[in-house]
């Protein structure tokens, strides 16, 4: 089966409850992205930035390089399911 490589941008500024901060949300997402049907090839470091405008929460951003046999629309549906 033929595979393709995709670069996925990740970002979060919303904690889950009071205990799970955005950095941990991204870490959990990366763990999930290393399970079939995806293979996690590489990740960037996670970068925290100050909000712009009226937002008060800090943002966390990262990128992941994944390999998969999924078609782009299937990959999008899979990633939305992880979200």
PDB file of N, CA and C in Angstrom:
ATOM      1  N   UNK A   1       0.842  -1.183   0.000  1.00  0.00           N
ATOM      2  CA  UNK A   1       0.000   0.000   0.000  1.00  0.00           C
ATOM      3  C   UNK A   1       0.887   1.246   0.000  1.00  0.00           C
ATOM      4  N   UNK A   2       0.575   2.177  -0.853  1.00  0.00           N
ATOM      5  CA  UNK A   2       1.357   3.410  -0.972  1.00  0.00           C
ATOM      6  C   UNK A   2       1.064   4.357   0.184  1.00  0.00           C
ATOM      7  N   UNK A   3       2.118   4.985   0.695  1.00  0.00           N
ATOM      8  CA  UNK A   3       1.945   5.952   1.786  1.00  0.00           C
ATOM      9  C   UNK A   3       2.387   7.335   1.328  1.00  0.00           C
ATOM     10  N   UNK A   4       1.956   8.327   2.078  1.00  0.00           N
ATOM     11  CA  UNK A   4       2.342   9.716   1.824  1.00  0.00           C
ATOM     12  C   UNK A   4       2.725  10.355   3.149  1.00  0.00           C
ATOM     13  N   UNK A   5       3.508  11.415   3.059  1.00  0.00           N
ATOM     14  CA  UNK A   5       3.951  12.150   4.235  1.00  0.00           C
ATOM     15  C   UNK A   5       3.241  13.496   4.275  1.00  0.00           C
ATOM     16  N   UNK A   6       2.769  13.870   5.469  1.00  0.00           N
ATOM     17  CA  UNK A   6       2.038  15.122   5.660  1.00  0.00           C
ATOM     18  C   UNK A   6       2.638  15.889   6.834  1.00  0.00           C
ATOM     19  N   UNK A   7       2.638  17.205   6.724  1.00  0.00           N
ATOM     20  CA  UNK A   7       3.042  18.083   7.822  1.00  0.00           C
ATOM     21  C   UNK A   7       1.764  18.648   8.439  1.00  0.00           C
ATOM     22  N   UNK A   8       1.570  18.395   9.721  1.00  0.00           N
ATOM     23  CA  UNK A   8       0.358  18.795  10.423  1.00  0.00           C
ATOM     24  C   UNK A   8       0.703  19.882  11.443  1.00  0.00           C
ATOM     25  N   UNK A   9      -0.012  20.996  11.378  1.00  0.00           N
ATOM     26  CA  UNK A   9       0.153  22.070  12.364  1.00  0.00           C
ATOM     27  C   UNK A   9      -0.799  21.822  13.521  1.00  0.00           C
ATOM     28  N   UNK A  10      -0.300  22.009  14.734  1.00  0.00           N
ATOM     29  CA  UNK A  10      -1.098  21.804  15.943  1.00  0.00           C
ATOM     30  C   UNK A  10      -1.112  23.080  16.768  1.00  0.00           C
ATOM     31  N   UNK A  11      -2.226  23.349  17.419  1.00  0.00           N
ATOM     32  CA  UNK A  11      -2.299  24.513  18.280  1.00  0.00           C
ATOM     33  C   UNK A  11      -3.412  24.375  19.301  1.00  0.00           C
ATOM     34  N   UNK A  12      -3.204  24.966  20.457  1.00  0.00           N
ATOM     35  CA  UNK A  12      -4.211  24.934  21.514  1.00  0.00           C
ATOM     36  C   UNK A  12      -4.029  26.137  22.425  1.00  0.00           C
ATOM     37  N   UNK A  13      -5.131  26.666  22.886  1.00  0.00           N
ATOM     38  CA  UNK A  13      -5.058  27.680  23.940  1.00  0.00           C
ATOM     39  C   UNK A  13      -6.105  27.413  25.010  1.00  0.00           C
ATOM     40  N   UNK A  14      -6.741  26.244  24.929  1.00  0.00           N
ATOM     41  CA  UNK A  14      -7.784  25.920  25.891  1.00  0.00           C
ATOM     42  C   UNK A  14      -7.358  24.761  26.776  1.00  0.00           C
ATOM     43  N   UNK A  15      -7.358  24.983  28.077  1.00  0.00           N
ATOM     44  CA  UNK A  15      -7.068  23.872  28.984  1.00  0.00           C
ATOM     45  C   UNK A  15      -8.267  22.935  29.050  1.00  0.00           C
ATOM     46  N   UNK A  16      -8.015  21.719  29.472  1.00  0.00           N
ATOM     47  CA  UNK A  16      -9.102  20.775  29.731  1.00  0.00           C
ATOM     48  C   UNK A  16      -9.245  20.716  31.238  1.00  0.00           C
ATOM     49  N   UNK A  17     -10.327  21.265  31.736  1.00  0.00           N
ATOM     50  CA  UNK A  17     -10.495  21.368  33.178  1.00  0.00           C
ATOM     51  C   UNK A  17      -9.465  22.327  33.756  1.00  0.00           C
ATOM     52  N   UNK A  18      -9.110  22.113  34.990  1.00  0.00           N
ATOM     53  CA  UNK A  18      -8.125  22.979  35.634  1.00  0.00           C
ATOM     54  C   UNK A  18      -6.731  22.378  35.625  1.00  0.00           C
ATOM     55  N   UNK A  19      -6.641  21.076  35.289  1.00  0.00           N
ATOM     56  CA  UNK A  19      -5.370  20.390  35.447  1.00  0.00           C
ATOM     57  C   UNK A  19      -4.579  20.211  34.153  1.00  0.00           C
ATOM     58  N   UNK A  20      -5.252  20.149  33.016  1.00  0.00           N
ATOM     59  CA  UNK A  20      -4.557  19.828  31.771  1.00  0.00           C
ATOM     60  C   UNK A  20      -4.388  21.096  30.942  1.00  0.00           C
ATOM     61  N   UNK A  21      -3.175  21.613  30.926  1.00  0.00           N
ATOM     62  CA  UNK A  21      -2.868  22.856  30.227  1.00  0.00           C
ATOM     63  C   UNK A  21      -2.643  22.608  28.732  1.00  0.00           C
ATOM     64  N   UNK A  22      -2.693  23.658  27.902  1.00  0.00           N
ATOM     65  CA  UNK A  22      -2.542  23.493  26.456  1.00  0.00           C
ATOM     66  C   UNK A  22      -1.304  22.706  26.028  1.00  0.00           C
ATOM     67  N   UNK A  23      -0.180  22.878  26.719  1.00  0.00           N
ATOM     68  CA  UNK A  23       1.030  22.109  26.375  1.00  0.00           C
ATOM     69  C   UNK A  23       0.770  20.609  26.526  1.00  0.00           C
ATOM     70  N   UNK A  24       0.044  20.224  27.560  1.00  0.00           N
ATOM     71  CA  UNK A  24      -0.284  18.813  27.767  1.00  0.00           C
ATOM     72  C   UNK A  24      -1.293  18.319  26.740  1.00  0.00           C
ATOM     73  N   UNK A  25      -2.189  19.200  26.306  1.00  0.00           N
ATOM     74  CA  UNK A  25      -3.147  18.837  25.253  1.00  0.00           C
ATOM     75  C   UNK A  25      -2.387  18.479  23.979  1.00  0.00           C
ATOM     76  N   UNK A  26      -1.403  19.286  23.616  1.00  0.00           N
ATOM     77  CA  UNK A  26      -0.608  18.994  22.422  1.00  0.00           C
ATOM     78  C   UNK A  26       0.202  17.712  22.590  1.00  0.00           C
ATOM     79  N   UNK A  27       0.755  17.488  23.761  1.00  0.00           N
ATOM     80  CA  UNK A  27       1.520  16.261  24.008  1.00  0.00           C
ATOM     81  C   UNK A  27       0.624  15.034  23.834  1.00  0.00           C
ATOM     82  N   UNK A  28      -0.599  15.111  24.337  1.00  0.00           N
ATOM     83  CA  UNK A  28      -1.545  13.995  24.190  1.00  0.00           C
ATOM     84  C   UNK A  28      -1.911  13.788  22.724  1.00  0.00           C
ATOM     85  N   UNK A  29      -2.075  14.867  21.990  1.00  0.00           N
ATOM     86  CA  UNK A  29      -2.397  14.761  20.558  1.00  0.00           C
ATOM     87  C   UNK A  29      -1.266  14.071  19.805  1.00  0.00           C
ATOM     88  N   UNK A  30      -0.033  14.402  20.136  1.00  0.00           N
ATOM     89  CA  UNK A  30       1.109  13.777  19.468  1.00  0.00           C
ATOM     90  C   UNK A  30       1.183  12.285  19.767  1.00  0.00           C
ATOM     91  N   UNK A  31       0.847  11.892  20.968  1.00  0.00           N
ATOM     92  CA  UNK A  31       0.811  10.464  21.306  1.00  0.00           C
ATOM     93  C   UNK A  31      -0.230   9.758  20.446  1.00  0.00           C
ATOM     94  N   UNK A  32      -1.402  10.359  20.315  1.00  0.00           N
ATOM     95  CA  UNK A  32      -2.466   9.770  19.503  1.00  0.00           C
ATOM     96  C   UNK A  32      -2.089   9.718  18.027  1.00  0.00           C
ATOM     97  N   UNK A  33      -1.284  10.680  17.576  1.00  0.00           N
ATOM     98  CA  UNK A  33      -0.894  10.716  16.172  1.00  0.00           C
ATOM     99  C   UNK A  33       0.178   9.679  15.835  1.00  0.00           C
ATOM    100  N   UNK A  34       0.673   8.972  16.824  1.00  0.00           N
ATOM    101  CA  UNK A  34       1.660   7.914  16.588  1.00  0.00           C
ATOM    102  C   UNK A  34       1.022   6.532  16.683  1.00  0.00           C
ATOM    103  N   UNK A  35      -0.269   6.474  16.461  1.00  0.00           N
ATOM    104  CA  UNK A  35      -1.010   5.205  16.456  1.00  0.00           C
ATOM    105  C   UNK A  35      -1.614   5.015  15.074  1.00  0.00           C
ATOM    106  N   UNK A  36      -1.787   3.743  14.692  1.00  0.00           N
ATOM    107  CA  UNK A  36      -2.366   3.434  13.381  1.00  0.00           C
ATOM    108  C   UNK A  36      -3.673   4.202  13.200  1.00  0.00           C
ATOM    109  N   UNK A  37      -3.923   4.731  12.040  1.00  0.00           N
ATOM    110  CA  UNK A  37      -3.254   4.543  10.756  1.00  0.00           C
ATOM    111  C   UNK A  37      -2.154   5.564  10.462  1.00  0.00           C
ATOM    112  N   UNK A  38      -1.654   6.244  11.487  1.00  0.00           N
ATOM    113  CA  UNK A  38      -0.587   7.224  11.298  1.00  0.00           C
ATOM    114  C   UNK A  38       0.716   6.715  11.878  1.00  0.00           C
ATOM    115  N   UNK A  39       1.807   7.194  11.333  1.00  0.00           N
ATOM    116  CA  UNK A  39       3.125   6.933  11.899  1.00  0.00           C
ATOM    117  C   UNK A  39       3.795   8.290  12.079  1.00  0.00           C
ATOM    118  N   UNK A  40       4.116   8.625  13.303  1.00  0.00           N
ATOM    119  CA  UNK A  40       4.733   9.911  13.618  1.00  0.00           C
ATOM    120  C   UNK A  40       6.221   9.844  13.296  1.00  0.00           C
ATOM    121  N   UNK A  41       6.657  10.663  12.336  1.00  0.00           N
ATOM    122  CA  UNK A  41       8.058  10.645  11.903  1.00  0.00           C
ATOM    123  C   UNK A  41       8.918  11.649  12.652  1.00  0.00           C
ATOM    124  N   UNK A  42       8.356  12.823  12.937  1.00  0.00           N
ATOM    125  CA  UNK A  42       9.126  13.875  13.612  1.00  0.00           C
ATOM    126  C   UNK A  42       8.160  14.893  14.197  1.00  0.00           C
ATOM    127  N   UNK A  43       8.641  15.607  15.215  1.00  0.00           N
ATOM    128  CA  UNK A  43       7.847  16.681  15.808  1.00  0.00           C
ATOM    129  C   UNK A  43       8.739  17.895  16.048  1.00  0.00           C
ATOM    130  N   UNK A  44       8.114  19.038  16.023  1.00  0.00           N
ATOM    131  CA  UNK A  44       8.835  20.258  16.389  1.00  0.00           C
ATOM    132  C   UNK A  44       8.790  20.403  17.902  1.00  0.00           C
ATOM    133  N   UNK A  45       9.511  21.371  18.399  1.00  0.00           N
ATOM    134  CA  UNK A  45       9.333  21.704  19.807  1.00  0.00           C
ATOM    135  C   UNK A  45       8.008  22.458  19.942  1.00  0.00           C
ATOM    136  N   UNK A  46       7.451  22.449  21.119  1.00  0.00           N
ATOM    137  CA  UNK A  46       6.222  23.194  21.388  1.00  0.00           C
ATOM    138  C   UNK A  46       6.599  24.607  21.788  1.00  0.00           C
ATOM    139  N   UNK A  47       5.942  25.559  21.152  1.00  0.00           N
ATOM    140  CA  UNK A  47       6.235  26.967  21.394  1.00  0.00           C
ATOM    141  C   UNK A  47       5.029  27.622  22.062  1.00  0.00           C
ATOM    142  N   UNK A  48       5.271  28.321  23.152  1.00  0.00           N
ATOM    143  CA  UNK A  48       4.211  29.075  23.826  1.00  0.00           C
ATOM    144  C   UNK A  48       4.317  30.535  23.416  1.00  0.00           C
ATOM    145  N   UNK A  49       3.171  31.134  23.095  1.00  0.00           N
ATOM    146  CA  UNK A  49       3.151  32.543  22.708  1.00  0.00           C
ATOM    147  C   UNK A  49       2.077  33.283  23.492  1.00  0.00           C
ATOM    148  N   UNK A  50       2.281  34.570  23.622  1.00  0.00           N
ATOM    149  CA  UNK A  50       1.295  35.415  24.282  1.00  0.00           C
ATOM    150  C   UNK A  50       0.104  35.628  23.355  1.00  0.00           C
ATOM    151  N   UNK A  51      -1.077  35.771  23.913  1.00  0.00           N
ATOM    152  CA  UNK A  51      -2.255  36.019  23.082  1.00  0.00           C
ATOM    153  C   UNK A  51      -2.233  37.421  22.485  1.00  0.00           C
ATOM    154  N   UNK A  52      -2.940  37.578  21.396  1.00  0.00           N
ATOM    155  CA  UNK A  52      -3.140  38.879  20.778  1.00  0.00           C
ATOM    156  C   UNK A  52      -4.585  39.295  20.985  1.00  0.00           C
ATOM    157  N   UNK A  53      -4.838  40.553  21.037  1.00  0.00           N
ATOM    158  CA  UNK A  53      -6.219  41.025  21.165  1.00  0.00           C
ATOM    159  C   UNK A  53      -6.785  40.759  22.543  1.00  0.00           C
ATOM    160  N   UNK A  54      -8.073  40.434  22.564  1.00  0.00           N
ATOM    161  CA  UNK A  54      -8.797  40.278  23.828  1.00  0.00           C
ATOM    162  C   UNK A  54      -8.531  38.946  24.539  1.00  0.00           C
ATOM    163  N   UNK A  55      -7.941  37.978  23.847  1.00  0.00           N
ATOM    164  CA  UNK A  55      -7.695  36.672  24.461  1.00  0.00           C
ATOM    165  C   UNK A  55      -6.750  36.820  25.656  1.00  0.00           C
ATOM    166  N   UNK A  56      -6.937  35.978  26.652  1.00  0.00           N
ATOM    167  CA  UNK A  56      -6.077  36.027  27.844  1.00  0.00           C
ATOM    168  C   UNK A  56      -5.190  34.802  27.979  1.00  0.00           C
ATOM    169  N   UNK A  57      -5.574  33.719  27.346  1.00  0.00           N
ATOM    170  CA  UNK A  57      -4.809  32.484  27.488  1.00  0.00           C
ATOM    171  C   UNK A  57      -3.615  32.460  26.542  1.00  0.00           C
ATOM    172  N   UNK A  58      -2.507  31.876  27.027  1.00  0.00           N
ATOM    173  CA  UNK A  58      -1.332  31.674  26.183  1.00  0.00           C
ATOM    174  C   UNK A  58      -1.642  30.581  25.162  1.00  0.00           C
ATOM    175  N   UNK A  59      -0.998  30.657  24.016  1.00  0.00           N
ATOM    176  CA  UNK A  59      -1.161  29.666  22.970  1.00  0.00           C
ATOM    177  C   UNK A  59       0.032  28.725  22.967  1.00  0.00           C
ATOM    178  N   UNK A  60      -0.202  27.474  22.619  1.00  0.00           N
ATOM    179  CA  UNK A  60       0.855  26.497  22.402  1.00  0.00           C
ATOM    180  C   UNK A  60       0.715  25.990  20.976  1.00  0.00           C
ATOM    181  N   UNK A  61       1.827  25.952  20.260  1.00  0.00           N
ATOM    182  CA  UNK A  61       1.828  25.506  18.874  1.00  0.00           C
ATOM    183  C   UNK A  61       2.970  24.541  18.638  1.00  0.00           C
ATOM    184  N   UNK A  62       2.746  23.607  17.713  1.00  0.00           N
ATOM    185  CA  UNK A  62       3.767  22.636  17.332  1.00  0.00           C
ATOM    186  C   UNK A  62       3.424  22.134  15.931  1.00  0.00           C
ATOM    187  N   UNK A  63       4.294  21.299  15.392  1.00  0.00           N
ATOM    188  CA  UNK A  63       4.056  20.673  14.095  1.00  0.00           C
ATOM    189  C   UNK A  63       4.486  19.216  14.179  1.00  0.00           C
ATOM    190  N   UNK A  64       3.838  18.393  13.370  1.00  0.00           N
ATOM    191  CA  UNK A  64       4.160  16.969  13.341  1.00  0.00           C
ATOM    192  C   UNK A  64       4.253  16.499  11.897  1.00  0.00           C
ATOM    193  N   UNK A  65       5.231  15.671  11.624  1.00  0.00           N
ATOM    194  CA  UNK A  65       5.393  15.048  10.320  1.00  0.00           C
ATOM    195  C   UNK A  65       4.908  13.614  10.464  1.00  0.00           C
ATOM    196  N   UNK A  66       3.877  13.255   9.689  1.00  0.00           N
ATOM    197  CA  UNK A  66       3.299  11.914   9.789  1.00  0.00           C
ATOM    198  C   UNK A  66       3.301  11.228   8.432  1.00  0.00           C
ATOM    199  N   UNK A  67       3.331   9.914   8.479  1.00  0.00           N
ATOM    200  CA  UNK A  67       3.215   9.098   7.278  1.00  0.00           C
ATOM    201  C   UNK A  67       1.956   8.258   7.421  1.00  0.00           C
ATOM    202  N   UNK A  68       1.213   8.110   6.327  1.00  0.00           N
ATOM    203  CA  UNK A  68      -0.026   7.352   6.370  1.00  0.00           C
ATOM    204  C   UNK A  68      -0.418   6.888   4.973  1.00  0.00           C
ATOM    205  N   UNK A  69      -1.227   5.863   4.928  1.00  0.00           N
ATOM    206  CA  UNK A  69      -1.802   5.403   3.662  1.00  0.00           C
ATOM    207  C   UNK A  69      -3.150   6.069   3.410  1.00  0.00           C
ATOM    208  N   UNK A  70      -3.618   6.871   4.362  1.00  0.00           N
ATOM    209  CA  UNK A  70      -4.900   7.553   4.200  1.00  0.00           C
ATOM    210  C   UNK A  70      -4.819   8.599   3.100  1.00  0.00           C
ATOM    211  N   UNK A  71      -5.923   8.803   2.421  1.00  0.00           N
ATOM    212  CA  UNK A  71      -6.059   9.899   1.474  1.00  0.00           C
ATOM    213  C   UNK A  71      -6.235  11.191   2.275  1.00  0.00           C
ATOM    214  N   UNK A  72      -5.942  12.352   1.675  1.00  0.00           N
ATOM    215  CA  UNK A  72      -6.043  13.607   2.430  1.00  0.00           C
ATOM    216  C   UNK A  72      -7.391  13.822   3.119  1.00  0.00           C
ATOM    217  N   UNK A  73      -8.486  13.530   2.463  1.00  0.00           N
ATOM    218  CA  UNK A  73      -9.796  13.727   3.104  1.00  0.00           C
ATOM    219  C   UNK A  73     -10.003  12.742   4.250  1.00  0.00           C
ATOM    220  N   UNK A  74      -9.480  11.530   4.107  1.00  0.00           N
ATOM    221  CA  UNK A  74      -9.567  10.547   5.189  1.00  0.00           C
ATOM    222  C   UNK A  74      -8.696  10.976   6.366  1.00  0.00           C
ATOM    223  N   UNK A  75      -7.524  11.516   6.070  1.00  0.00           N
ATOM    224  CA  UNK A  75      -6.624  11.995   7.124  1.00  0.00           C
ATOM    225  C   UNK A  75      -7.295  13.136   7.890  1.00  0.00           C
ATOM    226  N   UNK A  76      -7.901  14.060   7.169  1.00  0.00           N
ATOM    227  CA  UNK A  76      -8.599  15.173   7.829  1.00  0.00           C
ATOM    228  C   UNK A  76      -9.692  14.656   8.751  1.00  0.00           C
ATOM    229  N   UNK A  77     -10.481  13.705   8.282  1.00  0.00           N
ATOM    230  CA  UNK A  77     -11.552  13.133   9.117  1.00  0.00           C
ATOM    231  C   UNK A  77     -10.959  12.446  10.351  1.00  0.00           C
ATOM    232  N   UNK A  78      -9.847  11.738  10.165  1.00  0.00           N
ATOM    233  CA  UNK A  78      -9.197  11.055  11.296  1.00  0.00           C
ATOM    234  C   UNK A  78      -8.703  12.070  12.325  1.00  0.00           C
ATOM    235  N   UNK A  79      -8.047  13.130  11.850  1.00  0.00           N
ATOM    236  CA  UNK A  79      -7.531  14.154  12.768  1.00  0.00           C
ATOM    237  C   UNK A  79      -8.661  14.887  13.494  1.00  0.00           C
ATOM    238  N   UNK A  80      -9.757  15.138  12.806  1.00  0.00           N
ATOM    239  CA  UNK A  80     -10.904  15.775  13.466  1.00  0.00           C
ATOM    240  C   UNK A  80     -11.476  14.859  14.543  1.00  0.00           C
ATOM    241  N   UNK A  81     -11.415  13.559  14.307  1.00  0.00           N
ATOM    242  CA  UNK A  81     -11.859  12.597  15.325  1.00  0.00           C
ATOM    243  C   UNK A  81     -10.983  12.626  16.561  1.00  0.00           C
ATOM    244  N   UNK A  82      -9.683  12.879  16.380  1.00  0.00           N
ATOM    245  CA  UNK A  82      -8.766  12.988  17.519  1.00  0.00           C
ATOM    246  C   UNK A  82      -9.019  14.271  18.308  1.00  0.00           C
ATOM    247  N   UNK A  83      -9.439  15.298  17.586  1.00  0.00           N
ATOM    248  CA  UNK A  83      -9.631  16.606  18.210  1.00  0.00           C
ATOM    249  C   UNK A  83     -10.723  16.521  19.236  1.00  0.00           C
TER     250      UNK A  83
END
